[in-house]
Protein backbone atom coordinates (compact mmCIF):
# COMPACT_ATOMS: atom_id res chain seq x y z
CA UNK A 1 -0.08 0.00 0.16
CA UNK A 2 1.60 3.34 -0.94
CA UNK A 3 2.47 5.44 1.89
CA UNK A 4 0.13 8.68 1.93
CA UNK A 5 2.63 11.32 3.26
CA UNK A 6 4.51 11.20 0.03
CA UNK A 7 2.90 12.65 -3.21
CA UNK A 8 2.38 10.27 -6.30
CA UNK A 9 4.97 10.63 -8.45
CA UNK A 10 4.36 10.37 -12.32
CA UNK A 11 7.34 9.89 -14.43
CA UNK A 12 9.15 12.39 -11.53
CA UNK A 13 6.71 14.83 -11.50
CA UNK A 14 5.35 15.04 -7.67
CA UNK A 15 1.32 14.71 -8.28
CA UNK A 16 -1.27 15.33 -5.09
CA UNK A 17 -4.71 13.96 -4.78
CA UNK A 18 -6.32 16.93 -6.35
CA UNK A 19 -4.13 16.50 -9.81
CA UNK A 20 -1.60 19.49 -9.28
CA UNK A 21 2.07 19.11 -9.88
CA UNK A 22 3.99 19.53 -5.83
CA UNK A 23 6.24 22.03 -5.74
CA UNK A 24 10.10 20.32 -4.42
CA UNK A 25 10.17 19.95 -0.76
CA UNK A 26 6.19 19.70 0.29
CA UNK A 27 3.77 16.61 0.56
CA UNK A 28 0.57 19.03 -1.17
CA UNK A 29 1.47 22.26 -1.96
CA UNK A 30 0.68 22.66 -5.76
CA UNK A 31 3.17 23.83 -8.01
CA UNK A 32 0.89 26.60 -9.61
CA UNK A 33 -1.43 28.35 -7.56
CA UNK A 34 -4.60 29.55 -8.66
CA UNK A 35 -6.78 31.04 -6.44
CA UNK A 36 -9.67 30.53 -7.82
CA UNK A 37 -9.27 26.70 -7.75
CA UNK A 38 -11.90 25.52 -5.53
CA UNK A 39 -10.51 22.65 -2.64
CA UNK A 40 -12.29 19.19 -2.61
CA UNK A 41 -15.47 18.33 -1.27
CA UNK A 42 -15.56 16.38 1.64
CA UNK A 43 -18.59 14.81 3.25
CA UNK A 44 -17.09 14.36 6.66
CA UNK A 45 -14.35 15.90 8.25
CA UNK A 46 -12.59 14.61 11.53
CA UNK A 47 -10.63 16.76 13.65
CA UNK A 48 -7.83 14.82 15.62
CA UNK A 49 -6.73 16.05 18.44
CA UNK A 50 -2.75 15.71 17.51
CA UNK A 51 -1.04 18.07 20.13
CA UNK A 52 1.78 16.58 23.07
CA UNK A 53 -0.33 15.25 25.28
CA UNK A 54 -2.60 13.43 23.02
CA UNK A 55 0.00 12.10 20.61
CA UNK A 56 1.84 10.43 23.12
CA UNK A 57 -1.53 8.61 24.41
CA UNK A 58 -2.03 8.12 20.48
CA UNK A 59 2.33 7.07 20.36
CA UNK A 60 1.31 6.46 16.52
CA UNK A 61 0.62 8.96 13.72
CA UNK A 62 -2.71 8.73 14.06
CA UNK A 63 -3.76 10.99 11.27
CA UNK A 64 -2.09 9.61 8.77
CA UNK A 65 -3.10 5.66 9.94
CA UNK A 66 -6.82 7.36 9.49
CA UNK A 67 -5.85 8.24 6.25
CA UNK A 68 -4.68 4.90 4.87
CA UNK A 69 -7.94 3.25 5.98
CA UNK A 70 -9.91 5.75 4.32
CA UNK A 71 -8.24 5.45 1.06
CA UNK A 72 -8.51 1.64 0.90
CA UNK A 73 -12.38 2.28 1.98
CA UNK A 74 -12.57 4.26 -1.35
CA UNK A 75 -13.91 7.66 0.88
CA UNK A 76 -10.65 9.54 0.36
CA UNK A 77 -11.86 11.22 -2.61
CA UNK A 78 -15.64 11.57 -4.42
CA UNK A 79 -19.59 12.60 -2.58
CA UNK A 80 -18.65 10.69 0.35
CA UNK A 81 -15.31 12.06 0.62
CA UNK A 82 -13.88 12.06 4.83
CA UNK A 83 -11.16 14.44 5.65
CA UNK A 84 -8.74 13.94 8.72
CA UNK A 85 -7.42 16.83 10.02
CA UNK A 86 -4.68 17.20 12.70
CA UNK A 87 -5.24 19.98 15.59
CA UNK A 88 -3.40 21.75 18.21
CA UNK A 89 -5.42 21.11 22.07
CA UNK A 90 -8.50 21.09 22.39
CA UNK A 91 -8.44 21.29 26.13
CA UNK A 92 -9.84 17.96 26.73
CA UNK A 93 -6.92 16.08 28.13
CA UNK A 94 -8.98 13.67 30.24
CA UNK A 95 -11.05 12.83 27.06
CA UNK A 96 -7.59 12.11 25.28
CA UNK A 97 -7.11 11.10 21.97
CA UNK A 98 -10.21 13.45 21.19
CA UNK A 99 -12.12 13.38 17.89
CA UNK A 100 -14.42 15.97 16.50
CA UNK A 101 -16.88 14.91 13.92
CA UNK A 102 -17.89 18.13 11.59
CA UNK A 103 -19.81 17.22 8.81
CA UNK A 104 -20.47 19.37 5.67
CA UNK A 105 -24.44 19.99 6.05
CA UNK A 106 -24.32 22.52 2.84
CA UNK A 107 -23.68 19.68 1.59
CA UNK A 108 -24.74 16.13 1.56
CA UNK A 109 -23.73 15.57 5.57
CA UNK A 110 -25.68 14.09 8.23
CA UNK A 111 -27.06 17.31 10.65
CA UNK A 112 -27.22 15.02 13.83
CA UNK A 113 -23.05 14.08 13.33
CA UNK A 114 -22.21 17.74 13.43
CA UNK A 115 -20.19 18.51 16.55
CA UNK A 116 -20.17 14.52 18.24
CA UNK A 117 -17.20 15.14 19.99
CA UNK A 118 -15.59 10.94 20.44
CA UNK A 119 -12.73 10.11 23.08
CA UNK A 120 -10.29 7.96 23.49
CA UNK A 121 -9.81 7.55 20.08
CA UNK A 122 -6.50 6.32 20.37
CA UNK A 123 -7.83 2.90 21.54
CA UNK A 124 -9.84 2.47 18.81
CA UNK A 125 -8.58 -0.53 16.23
CA UNK A 126 -8.59 -0.07 12.70
CA UNK A 127 -11.84 -1.95 12.61
CA UNK A 128 -13.42 0.41 14.80
CA UNK A 129 -12.36 3.07 12.69
CA UNK A 130 -14.08 0.98 9.54
CA UNK A 131 -17.34 0.81 11.49
CA UNK A 132 -17.45 4.47 12.10
CA UNK A 133 -16.30 5.71 8.57
CA UNK A 134 -19.06 3.46 7.18
CA UNK A 135 -21.69 4.93 9.63
CA UNK A 136 -20.19 8.07 8.28
CA UNK A 137 -20.77 7.44 4.59
CA UNK A 138 -23.92 6.10 4.75
CA UNK A 139 -25.27 8.80 6.76
CA UNK A 140 -26.00 6.52 9.94
CA UNK A 141 -26.63 8.79 12.99
CA UNK A 142 -23.66 7.62 15.43
CA UNK A 143 -24.68 8.56 18.54
CA UNK A 144 -27.70 5.90 18.10
CA UNK A 145 -24.80 3.38 16.78
CA UNK A 146 -22.26 3.31 19.01
CA UNK A 147 -22.28 3.10 22.87
CA UNK A 148 -22.59 6.19 24.79
CA UNK A 149 -19.18 5.80 26.36
CA UNK A 150 -17.46 7.05 22.95
CA UNK A 151 -19.13 10.17 23.54
CA UNK A 152 -17.71 13.15 25.46
CA UNK A 153 -20.71 14.32 26.97
CA UNK A 154 -21.09 18.72 26.28
CA UNK A 155 -22.48 21.12 28.70
CA UNK A 156 -24.07 24.04 26.55
CA UNK A 157 -24.54 27.23 29.04
CA UNK A 158 -27.42 29.23 28.51
């Protein structure tokens, strides 16, 4: 399986997933800047805490691991694309490693999965993640499908 941190090489020209030639020394930065080119669509965005404490809890590059799974499942592009982004500290270290689920409700995202927080994701297996990705890509409500122990309780101030 190819390493997702390295762009595709095609006749020594490095190409990112958007089809743009990549500047030497970068993983995905396009060589030709087009200010009018749209960003790549995503249905769901997962924001993974990658700050000091959470990174140590996982002891692996969780974002890259999840991207590999998504690529294997065919969910790294297309209308059901799930995007993984690393974040800094959320201040929720007691629940490490946390993941915020954000749905693209302007397109085809499920509003019931928007702004959900998963906790202790460093303990999730690859099969757990595959199950979550399948639920997200098929617009199932995570709160109805996963055990409540996986969610961080949220307090909303009035």
